[in-house]
Amino acid sequence: MYNSKYSDGDYQREVGRFVKNNVTECQSMLVDHLLSTGVFEYEDITNCWFYRVDLSDGEEYFNTWEQVEEKKAEVEERKDRLEDIVNELEERLELSEDEGAILILTNSIETLQKALESCGDDLFTLDRAESEPKEIYEWWLVRRDFLDDLEEKGEPVLRTDYGDWWGRCTTGQAILLDSVICNLYDEFKERYKL
């Protein structure tokens, strides 16, 4: 998601200093070699997978199965609320004698039943979500505490006895322009009231 402040020169300089203090150097060739020769295993990478789910209101991405479960609970809650409303409207419909009210109630019930069907479809889709590997373009050596923050944001990380690397899933632009970096900077700035 693009934020207009990202193009502000002062903001970019601040984020640039933040990156310089936390991101040491690109070691993509080294990490790729160590992964391809079996020194490190792909299973050692945290947040290496994501779930892409095509829901009724658009495609959504989740970093963990727990996030998929949270979305499922949200949809189930929505479905329960819609069922309660439909039941209430059906009770009103049975008691109504006004033709205008009957028409409005009938149309409302039909609309809500379509929304209920969408909830059912979404739950079906969420139950069958399959993980996909994230495409890691670059490996960056970073400070361990910064790696913790990246991991918390769902970024791929590799922790070993030899170093800590962030698996960057973007390339072709300065790191200071990555939304995850700007978000971390904003949180850091807020946390320490800079």
Protein backbone atom coordinates (compact mmCIF):
# COMPACT_ATOMS: atom_id res chain seq x y z
CA MET A 1 0.00 0.00 0.00
CA TYR A 2 1.48 3.34 -1.04
CA ASN A 3 1.58 6.19 1.44
CA SER A 4 2.35 9.69 0.12
CA LYS A 5 4.73 10.40 3.00
CA TYR A 6 7.08 7.77 1.51
CA SER A 7 7.99 10.27 -1.21
CA ASP A 8 8.82 13.05 1.26
CA GLY A 9 12.59 13.70 1.22
CA ASP A 10 12.95 14.28 4.98
CA TYR A 11 10.99 11.14 5.77
CA GLN A 12 13.13 9.10 3.34
CA ARG A 13 16.34 10.40 4.96
CA GLU A 14 15.04 9.40 8.41
CA VAL A 15 14.05 5.93 7.21
CA GLY A 16 17.40 5.66 5.40
CA ARG A 17 19.23 6.22 8.71
CA PHE A 18 16.96 3.66 10.34
CA VAL A 19 17.83 1.11 7.63
CA LYS A 20 21.56 1.89 7.90
CA ASN A 21 21.43 1.19 11.65
CA ASN A 22 19.59 -2.12 11.27
CA VAL A 23 20.39 -3.66 7.89
CA THR A 24 24.03 -4.60 7.49
CA GLU A 25 24.60 -5.97 3.99
CA CYS A 26 23.17 -8.03 1.19
CA GLN A 27 24.36 -11.64 1.32
CA SER A 28 22.03 -13.23 -1.20
CA MET A 29 24.69 -15.27 -2.97
CA LEU A 30 26.02 -16.64 0.31
CA VAL A 31 22.62 -17.62 1.74
CA ASP A 32 21.39 -19.05 -1.57
CA HIS A 33 24.57 -21.15 -1.79
CA LEU A 34 24.24 -22.36 1.81
CA LEU A 35 20.60 -23.29 1.17
CA SER A 36 21.34 -25.06 -2.11
CA THR A 37 24.19 -27.10 -0.59
CA GLY A 38 22.16 -28.13 2.44
CA VAL A 39 24.12 -26.22 5.07
CA PHE A 40 20.84 -24.47 5.86
CA GLU A 41 17.44 -26.00 5.16
CA TYR A 42 14.41 -24.22 3.72
CA GLU A 43 12.50 -25.51 6.75
CA ASP A 44 14.75 -23.26 8.87
CA ILE A 45 13.15 -20.17 7.30
CA THR A 46 10.38 -18.67 9.41
CA ASN A 47 7.43 -17.05 7.59
CA CYS A 48 8.48 -18.63 4.32
CA TRP A 49 4.90 -19.49 3.37
CA PHE A 50 1.69 -17.55 2.92
CA TYR A 51 -1.93 -18.29 2.17
CA ARG A 52 -3.68 -16.61 -0.75
CA VAL A 53 -7.44 -16.93 -0.44
CA ASP A 54 -10.01 -15.74 -2.98
CA LEU A 55 -12.97 -14.59 -0.88
CA SER A 56 -16.29 -13.11 -1.98
CA ASP A 57 -15.04 -9.56 -1.34
CA GLY A 58 -11.65 -10.06 -3.00
CA GLU A 59 -8.34 -11.81 -2.63
CA GLU A 60 -6.66 -11.77 0.78
CA TYR A 61 -3.22 -12.83 1.96
CA PHE A 62 -2.32 -14.39 5.30
CA ASN A 63 1.14 -15.15 6.70
CA THR A 64 0.06 -17.88 9.10
CA TRP A 65 -2.65 -20.50 9.50
CA GLU A 66 -3.62 -18.70 12.71
CA GLN A 67 -4.51 -15.63 10.63
CA VAL A 68 -6.63 -17.82 8.34
CA GLU A 69 -8.39 -19.19 11.45
CA GLU A 70 -8.98 -15.64 12.73
CA LYS A 71 -10.56 -14.69 9.40
CA LYS A 72 -12.67 -17.83 9.55
CA ALA A 73 -13.93 -16.88 13.03
CA GLU A 74 -14.73 -13.39 11.73
CA VAL A 75 -16.74 -14.84 8.82
CA GLU A 76 -18.53 -17.30 11.14
CA GLU A 77 -19.47 -14.42 13.45
CA ARG A 78 -20.78 -12.43 10.47
CA LYS A 79 -22.75 -15.48 9.29
CA ASP A 80 -24.31 -15.90 12.77
CA ARG A 81 -25.34 -12.22 12.86
CA LEU A 82 -26.86 -12.48 9.38
CA GLU A 83 -28.79 -15.64 10.34
CA ASP A 84 -30.22 -13.85 13.38
CA ILE A 85 -31.32 -10.91 11.24
CA VAL A 86 -32.88 -13.20 8.61
CA ASN A 87 -34.80 -15.09 11.33
CA GLU A 88 -36.06 -11.81 12.79
CA LEU A 89 -37.15 -10.53 9.37
CA GLU A 90 -38.89 -13.83 8.59
CA GLU A 91 -40.84 -13.55 11.86
CA ARG A 92 -41.86 -10.00 10.94
CA LEU A 93 -42.84 -11.18 7.47
CA GLU A 94 -45.20 -13.81 8.92
CA LEU A 95 -46.92 -11.19 11.05
CA SER A 96 -47.09 -8.46 8.40
CA GLU A 97 -50.25 -7.71 6.43
CA ASP A 98 -49.02 -4.55 4.69
CA GLU A 99 -48.12 -5.34 1.04
CA GLY A 100 -45.37 -2.70 0.95
CA ALA A 101 -43.78 -4.07 4.11
CA ILE A 102 -44.06 -7.63 2.78
CA LEU A 103 -42.22 -6.62 -0.42
CA ILE A 104 -39.46 -4.82 1.50
CA LEU A 105 -39.04 -7.69 3.95
CA THR A 106 -38.97 -10.28 1.16
CA ASN A 107 -36.32 -8.33 -0.78
CA SER A 108 -34.27 -7.82 2.38
CA ILE A 109 -34.40 -11.52 3.23
CA GLU A 110 -33.31 -12.48 -0.30
CA THR A 111 -30.38 -10.05 -0.15
CA LEU A 112 -29.30 -11.33 3.25
CA GLN A 113 -29.59 -14.95 2.11
CA LYS A 114 -27.17 -14.16 -0.72
CA ALA A 115 -24.78 -12.70 1.85
CA LEU A 116 -25.20 -15.88 3.91
CA GLU A 117 -24.32 -17.96 0.85
CA SER A 118 -21.19 -15.84 0.38
CA CYS A 119 -20.24 -16.48 4.01
CA GLY A 120 -20.69 -20.21 3.46
CA ASP A 121 -18.56 -20.06 0.30
CA ASP A 122 -15.88 -18.09 2.15
CA LEU A 123 -15.81 -20.60 5.01
CA PHE A 124 -15.48 -23.44 2.50
CA THR A 125 -12.60 -21.61 0.79
CA LEU A 126 -10.86 -20.76 4.06
CA ASP A 127 -11.09 -24.39 5.22
CA ARG A 128 -9.22 -25.46 2.10
CA ALA A 129 -6.59 -22.71 2.02
CA GLU A 130 -3.22 -24.04 0.94
CA SER A 131 0.11 -22.47 1.65
CA GLU A 132 2.36 -21.15 -1.09
CA PRO A 133 6.05 -20.29 -0.82
CA LYS A 134 6.97 -16.63 -0.66
CA GLU A 135 9.36 -15.55 -3.38
CA ILE A 136 12.50 -14.32 -1.66
CA TYR A 137 14.62 -12.16 -3.95
CA GLU A 138 17.35 -11.01 -1.57
CA TRP A 139 18.92 -12.04 1.74
CA TRP A 140 20.02 -9.23 4.06
CA LEU A 141 22.12 -9.59 7.18
CA VAL A 142 20.33 -7.62 9.91
CA ARG A 143 20.54 -6.93 13.63
CA ARG A 144 18.86 -9.62 15.74
CA ASP A 145 16.38 -7.26 17.43
CA PHE A 146 15.42 -5.88 14.02
CA LEU A 147 14.98 -9.44 12.77
CA ASP A 148 12.52 -10.03 15.62
CA ASP A 149 10.48 -7.06 14.40
CA LEU A 150 10.56 -8.29 10.80
CA GLU A 151 9.50 -11.76 11.91
CA GLU A 152 6.61 -10.30 13.87
CA LYS A 153 5.47 -8.51 10.68
CA GLY A 154 5.40 -11.86 8.83
CA GLU A 155 8.61 -11.34 6.86
CA PRO A 156 10.75 -14.40 6.04
CA VAL A 157 13.69 -14.71 8.43
CA LEU A 158 16.55 -17.19 8.74
CA ARG A 159 18.23 -17.54 12.14
CA THR A 160 21.44 -19.52 12.36
CA ASP A 161 24.54 -19.75 14.50
CA TYR A 162 26.34 -17.90 11.68
CA GLY A 163 24.05 -14.92 11.29
CA ASP A 164 20.51 -13.62 11.04
CA TRP A 165 19.04 -12.85 7.64
CA TRP A 166 15.90 -11.20 6.41
CA GLY A 167 14.45 -12.72 3.25
CA ARG A 168 13.35 -9.66 1.29
CA CYS A 169 10.40 -10.36 -0.98
CA THR A 170 10.84 -7.19 -3.04
CA THR A 171 13.68 -5.99 -5.20
CA GLY A 172 14.53 -3.19 -7.57
CA GLN A 173 13.96 -0.34 -5.12
CA ALA A 174 15.74 1.06 -2.12
CA ILE A 175 14.97 -0.85 1.10
CA LEU A 176 13.82 2.40 2.70
CA LEU A 177 10.84 2.36 0.30
CA ASP A 178 9.60 -1.10 1.39
CA SER A 179 6.29 -0.69 3.21
CA VAL A 180 7.32 -3.11 5.96
CA ILE A 181 10.41 -0.99 6.67
CA CYS A 182 8.40 2.25 6.73
CA ASN A 183 5.86 0.63 9.06
CA LEU A 184 8.63 -0.56 11.39
CA TYR A 185 10.21 2.90 11.34
CA ASP A 186 6.87 4.53 12.17
CA GLU A 187 6.36 2.12 15.08
CA PHE A 188 9.94 2.68 16.28
CA LYS A 189 9.50 6.45 16.10
CA GLU A 190 6.21 6.24 18.01
CA ARG A 191 7.61 3.83 20.61
CA TYR A 192 10.60 6.05 21.41
CA LYS A 193 8.78 9.37 20.80
CA LEU A 194 11.37 10.57 18.30
